[in-house]
Amino acid sequence: MATTKNLCAQIPIALHERVSEERERLGQTTSEYIANLIQDYYNMMENQKGGIQMTEKSRTMAFQIPEELFQRIKRHLERETLRTGKKLTQRDFVLNLITQALDEADAENATEQNAPNEAHVAPRVADVTAPAGTDTPHEDNAV
């Protein structure tokens, strides 16, 4: 276990109550909860190079999803937070899914690029036969 040191701060009662409720909901000790909050904050700052502010290298994606799917995601995030003891954010969850899907697509694309290609030859008009029992138009009736 890492060496620890006490951190003490006076905070407003309303904030303390909010922290206590969330900590209890997650089943964490105060030390675990505060340590995770601080670590998540620093991770966010590092990942976004300065926080939530937009940079030239960051873009925002926003979209709506059905309420049922949103609730499923929330339940999953809560389960993962309880299982790992580290808060999984919606942002991290979605970024992980997108990255995984793109990595799989890139790998599939690389496999296709490395596979031997058979030249596709389009059929010639003379090779295409009309179905049995159909008449072919006469040249003088062609449009």
N, C-alpha and C. Protein backbone atom coordinates (compact mmCIF):
# COMPACT_ATOMS: atom_id res chain seq x y z
N MET A 1 0.85 -1.18 0.00
CA MET A 1 0.00 0.00 0.00
C MET A 1 0.89 1.23 0.00
N ALA A 2 0.45 2.25 -0.73
CA ALA A 2 1.22 3.49 -0.81
C ALA A 2 1.22 4.21 0.54
N THR A 3 2.29 4.93 0.78
CA THR A 3 2.36 5.76 1.98
C THR A 3 1.33 6.86 1.85
N THR A 4 0.64 7.17 2.93
CA THR A 4 -0.42 8.17 2.87
C THR A 4 -0.12 9.33 3.80
N LYS A 5 -0.84 10.42 3.56
CA LYS A 5 -0.73 11.61 4.39
C LYS A 5 -2.12 12.21 4.51
N ASN A 6 -2.44 12.76 5.66
CA ASN A 6 -3.75 13.33 5.92
C ASN A 6 -3.93 14.65 5.18
N LEU A 7 -5.13 14.87 4.66
CA LEU A 7 -5.49 16.11 3.99
C LEU A 7 -6.78 16.59 4.65
N CYS A 8 -6.77 17.81 5.14
CA CYS A 8 -7.91 18.33 5.86
C CYS A 8 -8.31 19.67 5.26
N ALA A 9 -9.62 19.86 5.06
CA ALA A 9 -10.09 21.12 4.50
C ALA A 9 -11.48 21.42 5.04
N GLN A 10 -11.74 22.68 5.31
CA GLN A 10 -13.07 23.12 5.72
C GLN A 10 -13.89 23.35 4.45
N ILE A 11 -15.09 22.74 4.39
CA ILE A 11 -15.97 22.92 3.24
C ILE A 11 -17.37 23.25 3.73
N PRO A 12 -18.19 23.88 2.88
CA PRO A 12 -19.56 24.21 3.30
C PRO A 12 -20.35 22.95 3.64
N ILE A 13 -21.27 23.09 4.57
CA ILE A 13 -22.07 21.95 5.04
C ILE A 13 -22.83 21.29 3.89
N ALA A 14 -23.40 22.09 2.99
CA ALA A 14 -24.16 21.52 1.87
C ALA A 14 -23.26 20.64 1.00
N LEU A 15 -22.04 21.07 0.76
CA LEU A 15 -21.11 20.27 -0.03
C LEU A 15 -20.71 19.00 0.73
N HIS A 16 -20.51 19.15 2.03
CA HIS A 16 -20.16 17.99 2.86
C HIS A 16 -21.27 16.94 2.81
N GLU A 17 -22.52 17.39 2.87
CA GLU A 17 -23.65 16.46 2.81
C GLU A 17 -23.71 15.76 1.46
N ARG A 18 -23.45 16.52 0.41
CA ARG A 18 -23.45 15.95 -0.94
C ARG A 18 -22.35 14.89 -1.08
N VAL A 19 -21.18 15.20 -0.59
CA VAL A 19 -20.06 14.26 -0.63
C VAL A 19 -20.40 13.01 0.18
N SER A 20 -20.95 13.21 1.36
CA SER A 20 -21.29 12.07 2.22
C SER A 20 -22.32 11.15 1.57
N GLU A 21 -23.34 11.73 0.96
CA GLU A 21 -24.37 10.92 0.30
C GLU A 21 -23.78 10.10 -0.84
N GLU A 22 -22.97 10.72 -1.66
CA GLU A 22 -22.38 10.01 -2.80
C GLU A 22 -21.39 8.94 -2.33
N ARG A 23 -20.60 9.27 -1.35
CA ARG A 23 -19.62 8.33 -0.78
C ARG A 23 -20.34 7.10 -0.24
N GLU A 24 -21.44 7.32 0.50
CA GLU A 24 -22.21 6.21 1.06
C GLU A 24 -22.85 5.38 -0.05
N ARG A 25 -23.38 6.04 -1.07
CA ARG A 25 -24.00 5.34 -2.19
C ARG A 25 -23.00 4.42 -2.87
N LEU A 26 -21.74 4.86 -2.96
CA LEU A 26 -20.69 4.07 -3.59
C LEU A 26 -20.08 3.05 -2.65
N GLY A 27 -20.40 3.16 -1.36
CA GLY A 27 -19.86 2.22 -0.39
C GLY A 27 -18.37 2.39 -0.16
N GLN A 28 -17.91 3.64 -0.20
CA GLN A 28 -16.49 3.92 -0.02
C GLN A 28 -16.26 4.64 1.30
N THR A 29 -15.04 4.52 1.78
CA THR A 29 -14.65 5.33 2.94
C THR A 29 -14.45 6.75 2.45
N THR A 30 -14.42 7.69 3.38
CA THR A 30 -14.17 9.07 3.00
C THR A 30 -12.81 9.20 2.31
N SER A 31 -11.81 8.52 2.85
CA SER A 31 -10.47 8.57 2.24
C SER A 31 -10.49 8.06 0.81
N GLU A 32 -11.16 6.92 0.57
CA GLU A 32 -11.23 6.37 -0.79
C GLU A 32 -11.95 7.33 -1.72
N TYR A 33 -13.08 7.85 -1.26
CA TYR A 33 -13.89 8.73 -2.11
C TYR A 33 -13.13 10.00 -2.48
N ILE A 34 -12.54 10.66 -1.49
CA ILE A 34 -11.82 11.91 -1.75
C ILE A 34 -10.59 11.64 -2.62
N ALA A 35 -9.87 10.56 -2.36
CA ALA A 35 -8.71 10.22 -3.18
C ALA A 35 -9.12 10.00 -4.63
N ASN A 36 -10.25 9.28 -4.85
CA ASN A 36 -10.73 9.06 -6.22
C ASN A 36 -11.15 10.36 -6.89
N LEU A 37 -11.82 11.23 -6.15
CA LEU A 37 -12.21 12.52 -6.71
C LEU A 37 -11.00 13.33 -7.16
N ILE A 38 -10.02 13.39 -6.31
CA ILE A 38 -8.81 14.17 -6.63
C ILE A 38 -8.08 13.53 -7.80
N GLN A 39 -7.95 12.20 -7.80
CA GLN A 39 -7.27 11.53 -8.91
C GLN A 39 -8.03 11.73 -10.22
N ASP A 40 -9.36 11.63 -10.18
CA ASP A 40 -10.17 11.86 -11.38
C ASP A 40 -9.97 13.28 -11.89
N TYR A 41 -9.92 14.23 -10.99
CA TYR A 41 -9.71 15.62 -11.37
C TYR A 41 -8.38 15.79 -12.10
N TYR A 42 -7.31 15.25 -11.54
CA TYR A 42 -5.99 15.37 -12.17
C TYR A 42 -5.93 14.61 -13.49
N ASN A 43 -6.58 13.46 -13.56
CA ASN A 43 -6.65 12.72 -14.83
C ASN A 43 -7.36 13.54 -15.89
N MET A 44 -8.47 14.18 -15.51
CA MET A 44 -9.21 15.02 -16.44
C MET A 44 -8.33 16.17 -16.93
N MET A 45 -7.62 16.78 -16.03
CA MET A 45 -6.76 17.91 -16.40
C MET A 45 -5.66 17.45 -17.36
N GLU A 46 -5.09 16.30 -17.10
CA GLU A 46 -4.03 15.78 -17.98
C GLU A 46 -4.59 15.37 -19.33
N ASN A 47 -5.73 14.69 -19.33
CA ASN A 47 -6.33 14.21 -20.58
C ASN A 47 -6.82 15.35 -21.45
N GLN A 48 -7.30 16.40 -20.83
CA GLN A 48 -7.86 17.51 -21.60
C GLN A 48 -6.91 18.69 -21.68
N LYS A 49 -5.72 18.53 -21.18
CA LYS A 49 -4.69 19.56 -21.24
C LYS A 49 -5.24 20.92 -20.81
N GLY A 50 -5.70 20.97 -19.59
CA GLY A 50 -6.17 22.24 -19.09
C GLY A 50 -7.61 22.24 -18.66
N GLY A 51 -8.26 21.11 -18.71
CA GLY A 51 -9.62 21.06 -18.21
C GLY A 51 -10.65 21.00 -19.30
N ILE A 52 -11.80 21.57 -19.03
CA ILE A 52 -12.94 21.46 -19.91
C ILE A 52 -12.90 22.47 -21.05
N GLN A 53 -11.98 23.39 -21.01
CA GLN A 53 -11.90 24.40 -22.06
C GLN A 53 -11.58 23.75 -23.39
N MET A 54 -12.15 24.30 -24.45
CA MET A 54 -11.90 23.79 -25.79
C MET A 54 -10.49 24.18 -26.22
N THR A 55 -9.83 23.29 -26.89
CA THR A 55 -8.54 23.58 -27.47
C THR A 55 -8.60 23.27 -28.95
N GLU A 56 -7.58 23.63 -29.67
CA GLU A 56 -7.55 23.34 -31.10
C GLU A 56 -7.54 21.84 -31.36
N LYS A 57 -7.06 21.07 -30.40
CA LYS A 57 -6.94 19.63 -30.59
C LYS A 57 -8.13 18.86 -30.03
N SER A 58 -9.12 19.53 -29.50
CA SER A 58 -10.29 18.87 -28.92
C SER A 58 -11.53 19.29 -29.67
N ARG A 59 -12.46 18.36 -29.81
CA ARG A 59 -13.73 18.65 -30.45
C ARG A 59 -14.84 18.09 -29.56
N THR A 60 -16.02 18.66 -29.66
CA THR A 60 -17.15 18.20 -28.87
C THR A 60 -18.10 17.41 -29.75
N MET A 61 -18.53 16.26 -29.24
CA MET A 61 -19.58 15.47 -29.88
C MET A 61 -20.77 15.48 -28.93
N ALA A 62 -21.93 15.79 -29.44
CA ALA A 62 -23.13 15.79 -28.61
C ALA A 62 -24.25 15.12 -29.39
N PHE A 63 -24.97 14.24 -28.71
CA PHE A 63 -26.09 13.57 -29.35
C PHE A 63 -27.04 13.10 -28.28
N GLN A 64 -28.29 12.91 -28.68
CA GLN A 64 -29.30 12.45 -27.74
C GLN A 64 -29.47 10.94 -27.88
N ILE A 65 -29.81 10.31 -26.77
CA ILE A 65 -30.05 8.87 -26.75
C ILE A 65 -31.36 8.62 -26.02
N PRO A 66 -31.99 7.47 -26.26
CA PRO A 66 -33.24 7.17 -25.56
C PRO A 66 -33.00 7.08 -24.04
N GLU A 67 -34.01 7.46 -23.29
CA GLU A 67 -33.93 7.44 -21.82
C GLU A 67 -33.56 6.06 -21.29
N GLU A 68 -34.13 5.01 -21.87
CA GLU A 68 -33.85 3.65 -21.41
C GLU A 68 -32.37 3.32 -21.55
N LEU A 69 -31.76 3.70 -22.67
CA LEU A 69 -30.33 3.47 -22.88
C LEU A 69 -29.51 4.29 -21.90
N PHE A 70 -29.91 5.52 -21.67
CA PHE A 70 -29.20 6.38 -20.72
C PHE A 70 -29.20 5.75 -19.32
N GLN A 71 -30.34 5.21 -18.90
CA GLN A 71 -30.44 4.59 -17.58
C GLN A 71 -29.59 3.32 -17.51
N ARG A 72 -29.54 2.57 -18.61
CA ARG A 72 -28.67 1.38 -18.65
C ARG A 72 -27.21 1.78 -18.49
N ILE A 73 -26.82 2.84 -19.16
CA ILE A 73 -25.44 3.31 -19.06
C ILE A 73 -25.14 3.74 -17.63
N LYS A 74 -26.05 4.50 -17.01
CA LYS A 74 -25.85 4.93 -15.63
C LYS A 74 -25.67 3.75 -14.69
N ARG A 75 -26.53 2.72 -14.87
CA ARG A 75 -26.41 1.53 -14.02
C ARG A 75 -25.07 0.83 -14.24
N HIS A 76 -24.64 0.76 -15.47
CA HIS A 76 -23.33 0.14 -15.77
C HIS A 76 -22.20 0.93 -15.12
N LEU A 77 -22.24 2.25 -15.24
CA LEU A 77 -21.20 3.08 -14.64
C LEU A 77 -21.14 2.88 -13.13
N GLU A 78 -22.31 2.81 -12.50
CA GLU A 78 -22.36 2.58 -11.05
C GLU A 78 -21.78 1.22 -10.68
N ARG A 79 -22.15 0.17 -11.44
CA ARG A 79 -21.61 -1.17 -11.17
C ARG A 79 -20.10 -1.20 -11.33
N GLU A 80 -19.60 -0.58 -12.39
CA GLU A 80 -18.15 -0.57 -12.63
C GLU A 80 -17.43 0.22 -11.55
N THR A 81 -18.04 1.31 -11.10
CA THR A 81 -17.44 2.10 -10.03
C THR A 81 -17.35 1.29 -8.75
N LEU A 82 -18.42 0.57 -8.44
CA LEU A 82 -18.42 -0.29 -7.25
C LEU A 82 -17.42 -1.43 -7.40
N ARG A 83 -17.37 -2.03 -8.58
CA ARG A 83 -16.49 -3.17 -8.82
C ARG A 83 -15.02 -2.79 -8.75
N THR A 84 -14.67 -1.65 -9.34
CA THR A 84 -13.26 -1.26 -9.42
C THR A 84 -12.83 -0.33 -8.30
N GLY A 85 -13.80 0.33 -7.66
CA GLY A 85 -13.45 1.31 -6.62
C GLY A 85 -12.98 2.63 -7.21
N LYS A 86 -13.09 2.77 -8.53
CA LYS A 86 -12.70 4.01 -9.21
C LYS A 86 -13.86 4.45 -10.08
N LYS A 87 -14.20 5.72 -9.98
CA LYS A 87 -15.35 6.24 -10.71
C LYS A 87 -15.11 6.17 -12.22
N LEU A 88 -16.04 5.53 -12.93
CA LEU A 88 -16.02 5.49 -14.39
C LEU A 88 -16.99 6.55 -14.87
N THR A 89 -16.49 7.53 -15.61
CA THR A 89 -17.33 8.62 -16.08
C THR A 89 -17.98 8.26 -17.41
N GLN A 90 -19.06 8.97 -17.74
CA GLN A 90 -19.71 8.78 -19.03
C GLN A 90 -18.72 9.07 -20.15
N ARG A 91 -17.95 10.11 -19.99
CA ARG A 91 -16.98 10.51 -21.01
C ARG A 91 -15.97 9.39 -21.25
N ASP A 92 -15.38 8.87 -20.17
CA ASP A 92 -14.39 7.80 -20.31
C ASP A 92 -15.02 6.56 -20.93
N PHE A 93 -16.24 6.23 -20.51
CA PHE A 93 -16.94 5.06 -21.03
C PHE A 93 -17.14 5.18 -22.54
N VAL A 94 -17.66 6.31 -22.98
CA VAL A 94 -17.94 6.51 -24.41
C VAL A 94 -16.63 6.57 -25.21
N LEU A 95 -15.62 7.27 -24.69
CA LEU A 95 -14.34 7.33 -25.39
C LEU A 95 -13.72 5.94 -25.53
N ASN A 96 -13.83 5.12 -24.49
CA ASN A 96 -13.30 3.75 -24.56
C ASN A 96 -14.04 2.94 -25.63
N LEU A 97 -15.37 3.08 -25.69
CA LEU A 97 -16.14 2.35 -26.69
C LEU A 97 -15.77 2.78 -28.10
N ILE A 98 -15.66 4.08 -28.31
CA ILE A 98 -15.31 4.60 -29.64
C ILE A 98 -13.92 4.13 -30.04
N THR A 99 -12.97 4.24 -29.12
CA THR A 99 -11.61 3.81 -29.41
C THR A 99 -11.56 2.33 -29.75
N GLN A 100 -12.27 1.51 -28.97
CA GLN A 100 -12.31 0.07 -29.22
C GLN A 100 -12.89 -0.23 -30.60
N ALA A 101 -14.00 0.42 -30.94
CA ALA A 101 -14.64 0.18 -32.24
C ALA A 101 -13.72 0.61 -33.39
N LEU A 102 -13.06 1.75 -33.24
CA LEU A 102 -12.15 2.21 -34.29
C LEU A 102 -10.94 1.30 -34.42
N ASP A 103 -10.40 0.83 -33.30
CA ASP A 103 -9.27 -0.10 -33.35
C ASP A 103 -9.66 -1.39 -34.08
N GLU A 104 -10.85 -1.90 -33.79
CA GLU A 104 -11.33 -3.11 -34.46
C GLU A 104 -11.52 -2.86 -35.95
N ALA A 105 -12.08 -1.70 -36.31
CA ALA A 105 -12.28 -1.37 -37.72
C ALA A 105 -10.94 -1.21 -38.43
N ASP A 106 -9.97 -0.59 -37.77
CA ASP A 106 -8.63 -0.43 -38.36
C ASP A 106 -7.98 -1.79 -38.58
N ALA A 107 -8.11 -2.69 -37.61
CA ALA A 107 -7.53 -4.02 -37.74
C ALA A 107 -8.20 -4.78 -38.88
N GLU A 108 -9.51 -4.67 -38.99
CA GLU A 108 -10.23 -5.33 -40.08
C GLU A 108 -9.82 -4.76 -41.43
N ASN A 109 -9.67 -3.46 -41.49
CA ASN A 109 -9.24 -2.80 -42.72
C ASN A 109 -7.83 -3.24 -43.11
N ALA A 110 -6.94 -3.34 -42.13
CA ALA A 110 -5.57 -3.78 -42.40
C ALA A 110 -5.57 -5.21 -42.91
N THR A 111 -6.42 -6.06 -42.35
CA THR A 111 -6.53 -7.45 -42.81
C THR A 111 -7.01 -7.50 -44.26
N GLU A 112 -8.00 -6.67 -44.57
CA GLU A 112 -8.52 -6.63 -45.95
C GLU A 112 -7.46 -6.11 -46.91
N GLN A 113 -6.68 -5.13 -46.49
CA GLN A 113 -5.63 -4.57 -47.35
C GLN A 113 -4.54 -5.59 -47.63
N ASN A 114 -4.27 -6.47 -46.67
CA ASN A 114 -3.21 -7.46 -46.81
C ASN A 114 -3.68 -8.74 -47.51
N ALA A 115 -4.99 -8.91 -47.66
CA ALA A 115 -5.53 -10.11 -48.30
C ALA A 115 -5.29 -10.02 -49.80
N PRO A 116 -4.98 -11.16 -50.45
CA PRO A 116 -4.78 -11.12 -51.91
C PRO A 116 -6.09 -10.72 -52.58
N ASN A 117 -5.98 -9.79 -53.48
CA ASN A 117 -7.17 -9.29 -54.17
C ASN A 117 -7.35 -10.02 -55.49
N GLU A 118 -8.57 -10.47 -55.75
CA GLU A 118 -8.90 -11.02 -57.04
C GLU A 118 -9.50 -9.88 -57.85
N ALA A 119 -8.99 -9.71 -59.05
CA ALA A 119 -9.49 -8.63 -59.89
C ALA A 119 -10.95 -8.90 -60.21
N HIS A 120 -11.76 -7.92 -59.97
CA HIS A 120 -13.18 -8.04 -60.27
C HIS A 120 -13.37 -7.66 -61.73
N VAL A 121 -13.96 -8.56 -62.52
CA VAL A 121 -14.19 -8.31 -63.93
C VAL A 121 -15.68 -8.17 -64.14
N ALA A 122 -16.08 -7.04 -64.66
CA ALA A 122 -17.49 -6.83 -64.93
C ALA A 122 -17.90 -7.67 -66.12
N PRO A 123 -19.09 -8.26 -66.10
CA PRO A 123 -19.52 -9.09 -67.24
C PRO A 123 -19.71 -8.22 -68.48
N ARG A 124 -19.35 -8.80 -69.63
CA ARG A 124 -19.56 -8.10 -70.89
C ARG A 124 -21.02 -8.25 -71.28
N VAL A 125 -21.52 -7.34 -72.08
CA VAL A 125 -22.91 -7.39 -72.51
C VAL A 125 -23.19 -8.70 -73.21
N ALA A 126 -22.26 -9.19 -74.02
CA ALA A 126 -22.46 -10.43 -74.75
C ALA A 126 -22.54 -11.62 -73.81
N ASP A 127 -21.97 -11.51 -72.59
CA ASP A 127 -21.99 -12.61 -71.64
C ASP A 127 -23.30 -12.70 -70.87
N VAL A 128 -24.08 -11.63 -70.91
CA VAL A 128 -25.33 -11.60 -70.16
C VAL A 128 -26.42 -12.14 -71.06
N THR A 129 -27.14 -13.13 -70.58
CA THR A 129 -28.21 -13.72 -71.39
C THR A 129 -29.55 -13.27 -70.86
N ALA A 130 -30.48 -13.13 -71.75
CA ALA A 130 -31.83 -12.75 -71.35
C ALA A 130 -32.53 -13.97 -70.78
N PRO A 131 -33.40 -13.77 -69.79
CA PRO A 131 -34.14 -14.90 -69.23
C PRO A 131 -34.94 -15.61 -70.31
N ALA A 132 -35.12 -16.91 -70.13
CA ALA A 132 -35.86 -17.71 -71.11
C ALA A 132 -37.26 -17.17 -71.26
N GLY A 133 -37.74 -17.17 -72.51
CA GLY A 133 -39.12 -16.76 -72.77
C GLY A 133 -39.29 -15.27 -72.90
N THR A 134 -38.20 -14.51 -72.93
CA THR A 134 -38.34 -13.06 -73.10
C THR A 134 -37.81 -12.70 -74.48
N ASP A 135 -38.41 -11.71 -75.06
CA ASP A 135 -37.96 -11.24 -76.37
C ASP A 135 -36.92 -10.15 -76.17
N THR A 136 -35.98 -10.12 -77.09
CA THR A 136 -35.02 -9.03 -77.08
C THR A 136 -35.52 -7.96 -78.02
N PRO A 137 -35.37 -6.71 -77.66
CA PRO A 137 -35.89 -5.63 -78.52
C PRO A 137 -35.11 -5.58 -79.84
N HIS A 138 -35.81 -5.22 -80.90
CA HIS A 138 -35.18 -5.03 -82.19
C HIS A 138 -34.51 -3.68 -82.21
N GLU A 139 -33.45 -3.58 -83.00
CA GLU A 139 -32.70 -2.33 -83.03
C GLU A 139 -33.58 -1.16 -83.45
N ASP A 140 -34.51 -1.40 -84.37
CA ASP A 140 -35.32 -0.28 -84.87
C ASP A 140 -36.35 0.17 -83.84
N ASN A 141 -36.60 -0.62 -82.81
CA ASN A 141 -37.52 -0.24 -81.74
C ASN A 141 -36.79 0.35 -80.53
N ALA A 142 -35.47 0.38 -80.55
CA ALA A 142 -34.69 0.88 -79.41
C ALA A 142 -34.90 2.37 -79.24
N VAL A 143 -34.91 2.82 -78.05
CA VAL A 143 -35.09 4.23 -77.75
C VAL A 143 -33.75 4.90 -77.62
